[in-house]
Protein backbone atom coordinates (compact mmCIF):
# COMPACT_ATOMS: atom_id res chain seq x y z
CA MET A 1 -78.74 -54.17 -190.85
CA LYS A 2 -80.89 -57.19 -190.00
CA PHE A 3 -80.26 -56.53 -186.30
CA VAL A 4 -81.50 -52.94 -186.65
CA THR A 5 -84.63 -54.10 -188.47
CA ALA A 6 -85.29 -56.75 -185.83
CA TRP A 7 -84.70 -54.19 -183.08
CA PHE A 8 -87.38 -51.86 -184.45
CA ARG A 9 -89.83 -54.73 -184.79
CA VAL A 10 -89.77 -55.22 -181.01
CA PRO A 11 -92.49 -53.08 -179.36
CA PHE A 12 -91.12 -49.93 -177.77
CA TRP A 13 -92.22 -50.82 -174.24
CA GLN A 14 -90.48 -54.19 -174.45
CA ARG A 15 -87.22 -52.55 -175.50
CA VAL A 16 -87.46 -50.13 -172.59
CA LEU A 17 -88.29 -52.97 -170.19
CA ALA A 18 -85.25 -54.89 -171.42
CA GLY A 19 -83.08 -51.84 -170.78
CA PHE A 20 -84.54 -51.58 -167.28
CA VAL A 21 -83.86 -55.25 -166.40
CA LEU A 22 -80.37 -55.28 -167.89
CA GLY A 23 -79.56 -51.99 -166.15
CA ALA A 24 -80.68 -53.37 -162.78
CA LEU A 25 -78.54 -56.47 -163.31
CA ALA A 26 -75.54 -54.37 -164.33
CA GLY A 27 -75.96 -52.10 -161.31
CA TRP A 28 -76.16 -55.11 -159.01
CA ALA A 29 -73.12 -56.79 -160.63
CA PHE A 30 -70.85 -53.74 -160.83
CA GLY A 31 -71.93 -52.04 -157.60
CA PRO A 32 -70.78 -48.41 -157.14
CA ALA A 33 -68.61 -48.69 -160.28
CA ALA A 34 -71.82 -48.87 -162.36
CA ASP A 35 -72.34 -45.15 -161.80
CA THR A 36 -68.96 -44.43 -163.38
CA TRP A 37 -69.29 -46.88 -166.26
CA PHE A 38 -72.94 -46.55 -167.20
CA GLY A 39 -74.07 -43.27 -165.61
CA PRO A 40 -72.94 -41.17 -168.61
CA LEU A 41 -75.36 -43.09 -170.88
CA GLY A 42 -78.25 -42.02 -168.68
CA ASP A 43 -76.97 -38.46 -168.40
CA LEU A 44 -76.64 -38.20 -172.19
CA TYR A 45 -80.18 -39.50 -172.68
CA VAL A 46 -81.69 -37.02 -170.22
CA THR A 47 -79.73 -34.21 -171.89
CA LEU A 48 -81.05 -35.24 -175.31
CA ILE A 49 -84.70 -35.22 -174.29
CA LYS A 50 -84.26 -31.93 -172.43
CA MET A 51 -82.63 -30.56 -175.59
CA ILE A 52 -85.76 -31.11 -177.65
CA ALA A 53 -88.33 -30.12 -175.02
CA VAL A 54 -88.18 -26.31 -175.30
CA PRO A 55 -88.21 -26.00 -179.13
CA LEU A 56 -90.87 -28.71 -179.32
CA VAL A 57 -93.15 -26.82 -176.94
CA PHE A 58 -92.38 -23.40 -178.44
CA PHE A 59 -93.36 -24.25 -182.01
CA ALA A 60 -96.18 -26.61 -181.02
CA VAL A 61 -97.89 -24.01 -178.81
CA ILE A 62 -97.57 -21.27 -181.45
CA HIS A 63 -99.08 -23.58 -184.05
CA ALA A 64 -101.80 -24.79 -181.68
CA VAL A 65 -102.94 -21.36 -180.50
CA SER A 66 -102.87 -19.89 -183.99
CA SER A 67 -104.97 -22.67 -185.50
CA LEU A 68 -107.17 -24.21 -182.77
CA HIS A 69 -110.54 -22.48 -183.25
CA GLY A 70 -109.25 -19.07 -182.20
CA GLN A 71 -108.80 -17.40 -178.82
CA ARG A 72 -112.25 -18.09 -177.31
CA SER A 73 -112.01 -21.85 -177.85
CA MET A 74 -108.51 -21.98 -176.36
CA MET A 75 -109.69 -20.15 -173.25
CA ALA A 76 -112.61 -22.55 -172.82
CA LEU A 77 -110.36 -25.59 -173.24
CA GLY A 78 -107.86 -24.06 -170.83
CA GLY A 79 -110.53 -23.56 -168.17
CA ARG A 80 -111.78 -27.13 -168.51
CA THR A 81 -108.21 -28.43 -168.33
CA PHE A 82 -107.45 -26.45 -165.16
CA ALA A 83 -110.65 -27.76 -163.57
CA TRP A 84 -109.59 -31.36 -164.14
CA PHE A 85 -106.06 -30.60 -162.91
CA ALA A 86 -107.57 -29.37 -159.63
CA ALA A 87 -110.12 -32.20 -159.31
CA THR A 88 -107.56 -34.98 -159.79
CA ALA A 89 -105.17 -33.20 -157.38
CA VAL A 90 -107.86 -33.26 -154.67
CA LEU A 91 -108.35 -36.98 -155.26
CA ALA A 92 -104.58 -37.55 -155.11
CA VAL A 93 -104.25 -35.77 -151.75
CA SER A 94 -107.15 -37.83 -150.41
CA VAL A 95 -105.44 -41.04 -151.54
CA GLY A 96 -102.19 -39.99 -149.84
CA LEU A 97 -103.94 -39.22 -146.56
CA LEU A 98 -105.95 -42.46 -146.68
CA VAL A 99 -102.94 -44.69 -147.40
CA GLY A 100 -100.89 -42.95 -144.71
CA THR A 101 -103.67 -43.44 -142.16
CA VAL A 102 -104.16 -47.12 -143.03
CA MET A 103 -100.52 -48.22 -143.50
CA GLN A 104 -99.08 -45.99 -140.71
CA PRO A 105 -95.55 -45.61 -142.17
CA GLY A 106 -94.41 -43.47 -139.22
CA VAL A 107 -95.29 -46.00 -136.52
CA GLY A 108 -92.52 -48.18 -135.11
CA VAL A 109 -89.73 -46.38 -136.95
CA GLY A 110 -86.50 -46.06 -134.98
CA ALA A 111 -84.54 -42.85 -134.49
CA LEU A 112 -83.83 -41.14 -137.83
CA SER A 113 -81.14 -38.65 -138.73
CA VAL A 114 -81.31 -35.89 -141.31
CA SER A 115 -79.65 -36.83 -144.59
CA SER A 116 -76.14 -35.41 -144.87
CA ASP A 117 -76.79 -33.92 -148.32
CA TYR A 118 -80.13 -32.32 -147.43
CA VAL A 119 -80.32 -28.56 -147.97
CA PRO A 120 -83.53 -26.88 -146.73
CA LYS A 121 -85.61 -25.45 -149.56
CA VAL A 122 -86.69 -21.84 -149.51
CA VAL A 123 -90.41 -21.66 -150.26
CA PRO A 124 -90.91 -19.11 -153.06
CA ASP A 125 -93.29 -16.21 -152.75
CA PRO A 126 -96.44 -17.13 -154.77
CA ILE A 127 -96.56 -13.63 -156.25
CA ARG A 128 -92.96 -13.96 -157.43
CA VAL A 129 -93.71 -17.37 -158.96
CA LEU A 130 -96.67 -15.87 -160.81
CA LEU A 131 -94.65 -12.89 -162.03
CA ASP A 132 -91.84 -15.17 -163.23
CA VAL A 133 -94.27 -16.76 -165.70
CA VAL A 134 -93.82 -13.60 -167.78
CA PRO A 135 -90.24 -13.67 -169.11
CA SER A 136 -88.26 -10.43 -168.90
CA ASN A 137 -86.42 -11.68 -171.98
CA PRO A 138 -88.02 -14.50 -173.99
CA PHE A 139 -84.63 -15.65 -175.23
CA TYR A 140 -83.58 -16.32 -171.63
CA ALA A 141 -86.67 -18.49 -171.23
CA LEU A 142 -85.98 -20.36 -174.47
CA THR A 143 -82.35 -21.07 -173.61
CA GLY A 144 -82.68 -21.69 -169.88
CA ILE A 145 -80.44 -18.70 -169.21
CA GLY A 146 -81.38 -16.17 -166.57
CA GLN A 147 -79.97 -13.48 -164.35
CA VAL A 148 -78.55 -13.74 -160.85
CA ALA A 149 -77.82 -10.86 -158.46
CA ASN A 150 -74.27 -10.57 -157.12
CA ALA A 151 -73.35 -9.39 -153.64
CA ASP A 152 -72.38 -5.96 -155.00
CA GLY A 153 -75.81 -5.47 -156.58
CA SER A 154 -74.73 -6.18 -160.15
CA THR A 155 -76.29 -8.92 -162.27
CA GLN A 156 -74.84 -11.55 -164.54
CA LEU A 157 -76.20 -14.13 -166.97
CA VAL A 158 -76.21 -17.72 -165.76
CA ALA A 159 -77.36 -21.00 -167.24
CA GLY A 160 -80.01 -22.68 -165.16
CA LYS A 161 -82.77 -25.30 -165.21
CA GLY A 162 -85.29 -22.76 -166.40
CA SER A 163 -89.05 -23.23 -166.48
CA ILE A 164 -91.36 -24.21 -169.29
CA LEU A 165 -94.12 -21.80 -168.21
CA PRO A 166 -92.44 -18.64 -169.62
CA VAL A 167 -91.96 -20.50 -172.90
CA ILE A 168 -95.65 -21.43 -173.00
CA PHE A 169 -96.65 -17.85 -172.15
CA PHE A 170 -94.53 -16.25 -174.88
CA ALA A 171 -95.45 -18.86 -177.49
CA ALA A 172 -99.16 -18.44 -176.70
CA LEU A 173 -98.79 -14.66 -177.05
CA VAL A 174 -97.19 -15.10 -180.48
CA GLY A 175 -99.99 -17.50 -181.46
CA PHE A 176 -102.69 -15.03 -180.37
CA ALA A 177 -100.94 -12.33 -182.40
CA MET A 178 -101.15 -14.57 -185.46
CA VAL A 179 -104.87 -15.05 -184.84
CA LYS A 180 -105.33 -11.29 -184.66
CA LEU A 181 -103.34 -10.63 -187.85
CA GLY A 182 -105.15 -13.35 -189.79
CA GLU A 183 -104.14 -13.92 -193.41
CA ARG A 184 -101.46 -11.22 -193.24
CA VAL A 185 -99.23 -13.78 -191.48
CA ALA A 186 -100.42 -16.93 -193.23
CA LEU A 187 -96.85 -17.85 -194.18
CA ALA A 188 -95.65 -17.37 -190.59
CA ARG A 189 -98.44 -19.63 -189.36
CA LYS A 190 -97.50 -22.24 -191.96
CA LEU A 191 -93.84 -21.96 -190.95
CA ALA A 192 -94.72 -22.54 -187.29
CA GLY A 193 -96.67 -25.67 -188.26
CA GLU A 194 -93.79 -26.98 -190.35
CA ALA A 195 -91.30 -26.25 -187.56
CA SER A 196 -93.57 -28.15 -185.18
CA ASP A 197 -93.59 -31.13 -187.57
CA VAL A 198 -89.78 -31.04 -187.75
CA MET A 199 -89.49 -31.09 -183.96
CA ILE A 200 -91.94 -33.99 -183.76
CA GLN A 201 -89.71 -35.94 -186.14
CA VAL A 202 -86.62 -35.06 -184.09
CA THR A 203 -88.53 -36.26 -181.02
CA ARG A 204 -89.09 -39.64 -182.67
CA PHE A 205 -85.37 -39.98 -183.30
CA VAL A 206 -84.41 -39.08 -179.73
CA LEU A 207 -87.02 -41.32 -178.14
CA GLU A 208 -85.48 -44.33 -179.87
CA VAL A 209 -82.51 -43.88 -177.50
CA THR A 210 -84.83 -44.51 -174.51
CA PRO A 211 -83.85 -48.20 -173.98
CA ILE A 212 -80.15 -47.28 -173.84
CA GLY A 213 -80.84 -44.31 -171.57
CA THR A 214 -82.96 -46.51 -169.33
CA PHE A 215 -80.12 -49.00 -169.05
CA GLY A 216 -77.68 -46.27 -167.98
CA LEU A 217 -80.03 -44.56 -165.52
CA ILE A 218 -81.13 -47.75 -163.76
CA ALA A 219 -77.61 -49.23 -163.64
CA SER A 220 -76.32 -46.01 -162.09
CA LEU A 221 -79.17 -45.86 -159.57
CA VAL A 222 -78.93 -49.49 -158.43
CA GLY A 223 -75.14 -49.42 -158.30
CA ALA A 224 -74.76 -46.15 -156.42
CA PHE A 225 -77.82 -46.34 -154.20
CA GLY A 226 -77.86 -49.85 -152.79
CA PHE A 227 -80.59 -51.06 -150.47
CA GLU A 228 -79.27 -50.06 -147.05
CA LYS A 229 -80.86 -46.62 -147.23
CA LEU A 230 -84.31 -48.13 -147.80
CA LEU A 231 -84.40 -50.35 -144.73
CA PRO A 232 -85.25 -47.73 -142.03
CA LEU A 233 -87.96 -46.17 -144.20
CA GLY A 234 -89.10 -49.25 -146.07
CA THR A 235 -92.72 -48.87 -144.95
CA PHE A 236 -92.82 -45.28 -146.20
CA VAL A 237 -91.44 -46.34 -149.59
CA VAL A 238 -94.06 -49.09 -149.87
CA ALA A 239 -96.82 -46.69 -148.75
CA LEU A 240 -95.87 -44.15 -151.42
CA PHE A 241 -95.76 -46.79 -154.15
CA VAL A 242 -99.14 -48.16 -153.02
CA ALA A 243 -100.70 -44.67 -152.95
CA CYS A 244 -99.40 -43.85 -156.42
CA ALA A 245 -100.59 -47.21 -157.76
CA ILE A 246 -104.08 -46.56 -156.35
CA GLN A 247 -104.11 -43.10 -157.92
CA ILE A 248 -103.09 -44.47 -161.32
CA VAL A 249 -105.14 -47.66 -161.44
CA VAL A 250 -108.23 -46.87 -159.36
CA VAL A 251 -108.67 -43.09 -159.63
CA TYR A 252 -107.46 -42.56 -163.20
CA GLY A 253 -108.99 -45.85 -164.36
CA GLY A 254 -112.31 -44.93 -162.75
CA LEU A 255 -112.37 -41.51 -164.43
CA LEU A 256 -111.74 -43.15 -167.78
CA LEU A 257 -114.60 -45.58 -167.22
CA LEU A 258 -116.90 -42.68 -166.31
CA HIS A 259 -116.02 -41.14 -169.67
CA GLY A 260 -116.80 -44.37 -171.51
CA LEU A 261 -113.13 -45.12 -172.23
CA ASN A 262 -111.32 -48.42 -171.77
CA PRO A 263 -108.57 -47.91 -169.12
CA MET A 264 -106.43 -50.73 -170.56
CA LYS A 265 -106.29 -48.91 -173.90
CA PHE A 266 -105.18 -45.75 -172.11
CA PHE A 267 -102.41 -47.45 -170.16
CA ARG A 268 -101.19 -49.21 -173.27
CA GLY A 269 -100.98 -45.94 -175.20
CA ALA A 270 -99.54 -44.01 -172.25
CA ALA A 271 -96.95 -46.69 -171.39
CA PRO A 272 -94.02 -45.02 -173.22
CA GLY A 273 -94.52 -41.73 -171.39
CA MET A 274 -94.92 -43.55 -168.08
CA GLN A 275 -91.74 -45.55 -168.65
CA VAL A 276 -89.66 -42.49 -169.51
CA ALA A 277 -91.04 -40.71 -166.43
CA PHE A 278 -90.14 -43.61 -164.14
CA VAL A 279 -86.53 -43.89 -165.25
CA SER A 280 -85.81 -40.16 -165.74
CA SER A 281 -87.68 -38.86 -162.64
CA SER A 282 -88.39 -35.63 -164.53
CA SER A 283 -91.76 -34.40 -165.81
CA PHE A 284 -89.95 -31.89 -168.02
CA ALA A 285 -87.71 -34.57 -169.55
CA SER A 286 -90.71 -36.90 -170.00
CA MET A 287 -92.82 -34.28 -171.77
CA PRO A 288 -91.80 -35.14 -175.38
CA ALA A 289 -92.64 -38.80 -174.80
CA ALA A 290 -95.91 -37.89 -173.06
CA LEU A 291 -96.94 -35.54 -175.87
CA ARG A 292 -96.15 -38.14 -178.49
CA SER A 293 -98.08 -40.81 -176.55
CA VAL A 294 -101.16 -38.62 -176.13
CA THR A 295 -101.38 -37.62 -179.79
CA HIS A 296 -100.04 -40.61 -181.71
CA ASN A 297 -101.18 -43.45 -179.44
CA LEU A 298 -104.34 -42.11 -177.78
CA GLY A 299 -105.83 -39.91 -180.50
CA VAL A 300 -105.99 -36.53 -178.73
CA ASP A 301 -106.13 -33.57 -181.12
CA ARG A 302 -102.53 -32.51 -181.67
CA ASP A 303 -103.17 -28.78 -181.36
CA TYR A 304 -104.94 -29.13 -178.02
CA ALA A 305 -102.35 -31.61 -176.70
CA ALA A 306 -99.56 -29.18 -177.59
CA PHE A 307 -101.10 -26.75 -175.11
CA ALA A 308 -102.30 -29.13 -172.37
CA VAL A 309 -99.36 -31.53 -171.99
CA PRO A 310 -96.62 -28.88 -171.52
CA LEU A 311 -98.89 -27.00 -169.12
CA GLY A 312 -99.43 -30.20 -167.16
CA ALA A 313 -95.67 -30.83 -167.05
CA SER A 314 -95.38 -27.54 -165.14
CA ILE A 315 -98.33 -27.55 -162.77
CA LYS A 316 -99.90 -31.04 -162.76
CA MET A 317 -98.04 -32.88 -159.99
CA ASP A 318 -100.29 -35.53 -158.43
CA GLY A 319 -97.31 -37.54 -157.20
CA CYS A 320 -94.90 -34.80 -156.12
CA GLY A 321 -97.37 -32.07 -155.19
CA ALA A 322 -100.30 -34.03 -153.73
CA ILE A 323 -99.64 -37.64 -152.65
CA TYR A 324 -96.09 -37.14 -151.34
CA PRO A 325 -96.73 -34.04 -149.16
CA ALA A 326 -99.90 -35.61 -147.73
CA LEU A 327 -98.11 -38.87 -146.95
CA ALA A 328 -95.13 -36.97 -145.47
CA ALA A 329 -97.50 -35.03 -143.20
CA VAL A 330 -99.12 -38.24 -141.92
CA PHE A 331 -95.69 -39.86 -141.51
CA ILE A 332 -94.23 -37.10 -139.34
CA SER A 333 -97.44 -36.93 -137.32
CA GLN A 334 -97.17 -40.64 -136.54
CA TYR A 335 -93.39 -40.56 -136.05
CA THR A 336 -93.56 -37.73 -133.50
CA GLY A 337 -96.67 -39.12 -131.81
CA THR A 338 -98.75 -35.99 -132.41
CA PRO A 339 -102.07 -37.00 -134.02
CA MET A 340 -103.37 -34.64 -136.69
CA SER A 341 -106.67 -32.89 -136.07
CA GLY A 342 -109.49 -32.61 -138.58
CA ASP A 343 -108.46 -29.02 -139.27
CA GLN A 344 -104.91 -30.14 -140.05
CA TYR A 345 -106.16 -32.74 -142.52
CA LEU A 346 -108.17 -30.02 -144.26
CA ILE A 347 -105.15 -27.69 -144.27
CA VAL A 348 -103.01 -30.41 -145.84
CA LEU A 349 -105.66 -30.91 -148.54
CA ILE A 350 -105.96 -27.21 -149.38
CA ALA A 351 -102.23 -26.45 -149.14
CA SER A 352 -101.33 -29.39 -151.39
CA VAL A 353 -103.78 -28.47 -154.15
CA LEU A 354 -103.12 -24.71 -154.12
CA GLY A 355 -99.40 -25.08 -153.49
CA SER A 356 -98.88 -27.34 -156.49
CA PHE A 357 -100.16 -24.53 -158.71
CA GLY A 358 -98.33 -21.84 -156.72
CA THR A 359 -94.92 -23.50 -157.04
CA ALA A 360 -95.27 -24.23 -160.76
CA GLY A 361 -91.93 -24.46 -162.50
CA VAL A 362 -89.88 -24.36 -159.27
CA PRO A 363 -87.06 -26.98 -159.25
CA GLY A 364 -87.42 -29.67 -156.58
CA THR A 365 -91.21 -29.46 -156.50
CA ALA A 366 -91.69 -32.44 -154.17
CA VAL A 367 -89.41 -31.05 -151.45
CA VAL A 368 -90.82 -27.54 -151.84
CA MET A 369 -94.38 -28.84 -151.65
CA ALA A 370 -93.62 -30.91 -148.55
CA THR A 371 -92.16 -27.78 -146.96
CA VAL A 372 -95.28 -25.77 -147.83
CA VAL A 373 -97.68 -28.43 -146.50
CA LEU A 374 -95.81 -29.22 -143.27
CA THR A 375 -95.44 -25.51 -142.51
CA ALA A 376 -99.14 -24.86 -143.15
CA ALA A 377 -100.14 -27.81 -140.95
CA GLY A 378 -97.77 -26.77 -138.14
CA LEU A 379 -95.69 -29.97 -138.35
CA PRO A 380 -91.88 -30.10 -137.89
CA LEU A 381 -89.88 -29.80 -141.10
CA GLU A 382 -87.24 -32.34 -140.06
CA ALA A 383 -89.32 -35.03 -141.80
CA ILE A 384 -88.14 -33.77 -145.16
CA GLY A 385 -84.52 -34.21 -144.08
CA TYR A 386 -85.31 -37.75 -142.91
CA LEU A 387 -86.91 -38.65 -146.25
CA TYR A 388 -84.33 -36.92 -148.45
CA ALA A 389 -81.94 -39.89 -148.28
CA ILE A 390 -84.42 -42.04 -150.21
CA ASP A 391 -85.80 -39.22 -152.40
CA ARG A 392 -84.33 -40.58 -155.65
CA VAL A 393 -86.20 -43.87 -155.27
CA LEU A 394 -89.41 -42.09 -154.28
CA ASP A 395 -89.10 -39.68 -157.19
CA MET A 396 -89.35 -42.44 -159.77
CA MET A 397 -92.88 -43.43 -158.74
CA ARG A 398 -93.94 -39.84 -157.95
CA THR A 399 -92.91 -38.68 -161.41
CA MET A 400 -94.61 -41.57 -163.16
CA THR A 401 -97.81 -40.60 -161.33
CA ASN A 402 -97.32 -36.96 -162.33
CA VAL A 403 -96.87 -37.78 -166.00
CA THR A 404 -99.73 -40.29 -166.09
CA GLY A 405 -102.03 -37.56 -164.77
CA GLN A 406 -100.59 -35.12 -167.30
CA MET A 407 -101.61 -37.53 -170.07
CA LEU A 408 -104.96 -38.44 -168.52
CA VAL A 409 -106.45 -34.94 -168.32
CA PRO A 410 -106.01 -34.12 -172.04
CA VAL A 411 -107.70 -37.44 -172.86
CA LEU A 412 -110.66 -36.65 -170.58
CA VAL A 413 -111.05 -33.10 -171.90
CA ALA A 414 -110.69 -34.28 -175.50
CA ARG A 415 -113.41 -36.85 -174.89
CA GLU A 416 -115.72 -34.18 -173.44
CA THR A 417 -115.12 -31.66 -176.22
CA GLY A 418 -115.04 -33.90 -179.29
CA LEU A 419 -111.28 -33.65 -179.80
CA LEU A 420 -110.60 -37.36 -179.32
CA ASP A 421 -110.20 -39.80 -182.20
CA ARG A 422 -111.95 -42.85 -180.78
CA GLU A 423 -110.64 -45.15 -183.50
CA THR A 424 -107.02 -44.26 -182.66
CA TYR A 425 -107.77 -44.65 -178.95
CA GLN A 426 -109.34 -48.09 -179.41
CA CYS A 427 -106.30 -49.23 -181.41
CA ALA A 428 -103.84 -47.66 -178.97
CA SER A 429 -100.24 -48.41 -179.90
CA SER A 430 -97.35 -48.56 -177.45
CA ASN A 431 -94.78 -47.35 -179.99
CA ILE A 432 -93.74 -43.69 -180.26
CA GLY A 433 -90.45 -43.76 -182.16
CA VAL A 434 -89.49 -43.99 -185.82
CA ALA A 435 -90.63 -47.56 -186.32
CA GLU A 436 -94.09 -46.63 -187.54
CA GLY A 437 -92.80 -44.94 -190.69
CA GLU A 438 -95.78 -42.64 -191.08
CA ALA A 439 -95.20 -39.66 -193.31
CA ALA A 440 -97.01 -37.25 -191.09
CA GLU A 441 -99.01 -37.06 -187.90
CA PRO A 442 -102.61 -38.22 -188.26
CA HIS A 443 -105.33 -35.61 -188.18
CA PRO A 444 -107.97 -37.07 -185.88
CA VAL A 445 -111.60 -37.31 -186.86
CA ARG A 446 -113.17 -35.65 -183.82
CA ASP A 447 -115.44 -37.70 -181.67
CA ALA A 448 -118.90 -36.35 -181.05
CA ALA A 449 -119.02 -35.88 -177.29
């Protein structure tokens, strides 16, 4: 019992860091066997946080839409949020192009071969992606079950990765219906709020497993991956990490300063979400930790965050949808010895920003986005096959950048609209689990913007 008490006294980020270091050591010591011995711990952890994501979003969005100032306010907040999503995406593409031009990751690279496990991605029709936001059956969206067409024209139900956007759409529709019905559904609105509170508590429980999950994921990665795959493309790996670091520290930090907010407080409060993103390489799996960090640690109004963070997890991809495609375009241009024109740079910028919204909720966003951008710029698609061998390592930093941006934008919008509790922000905690022992989520005193 004393060990458990002492464990919870250690700050959350330190426990996760310990899991990371021990996992790396175990992966190095056990080699490929680490994937067999420790991989299941990481798989179980990812499954747990995916388990809570859909019900957490469903009840949180219903509660948020039905209680956050009504429909007009939600639309205004949504528009402001989308504007910041687009603005930071433009900055991310610019950083990717700049770093690629300066570091020249495609220069001096020997002959590369396409990864043996690379399967070309089919770029989805933007209209189809948009239409798929509306679920034909909301229960399919909630369970991750959908339909697939057979060769004979019949259809069958299949379990799949699903998308969070149909869940957000249906939950928002239910919330708007509650606004319209008013006091006639007061009990239903109260029930949605209580269900949201229950899921937040379940989230706290699950997030306490993060250090163990981190240990399993990193041990499996280090043991199974090795370092030989990184050597031919080492400069590209370094360039991506540098670009993402510039986006996080310089761009995001600068935007926080412009809003009168201390960047160090933000990174302290956002650290749990960033850590989960790095080890899980999944924006969807990181969403519960990101939502908890934004509300509990950084003081963003819980109702607004319940709308903005899940939306960002679907369409806010600064790492996967902006920096990586831009850097891949510069890389293949340098590798093939075909300099990009000014028009091609502009095409990469536009295609990256618009494409990241147009491929929302599509699995394998980074590879799909690289396909979209390279095709638009008229560059050969083989580059994606070259880079696929190291994609797992790249995805860690890309996803951390994604999730950091997904937490940043709600903070900026909350600051602009008076939905940020400055006292909570200034005292930003790095804990998001059960150690705090609070009876309920705090209700922020809104900051006068």
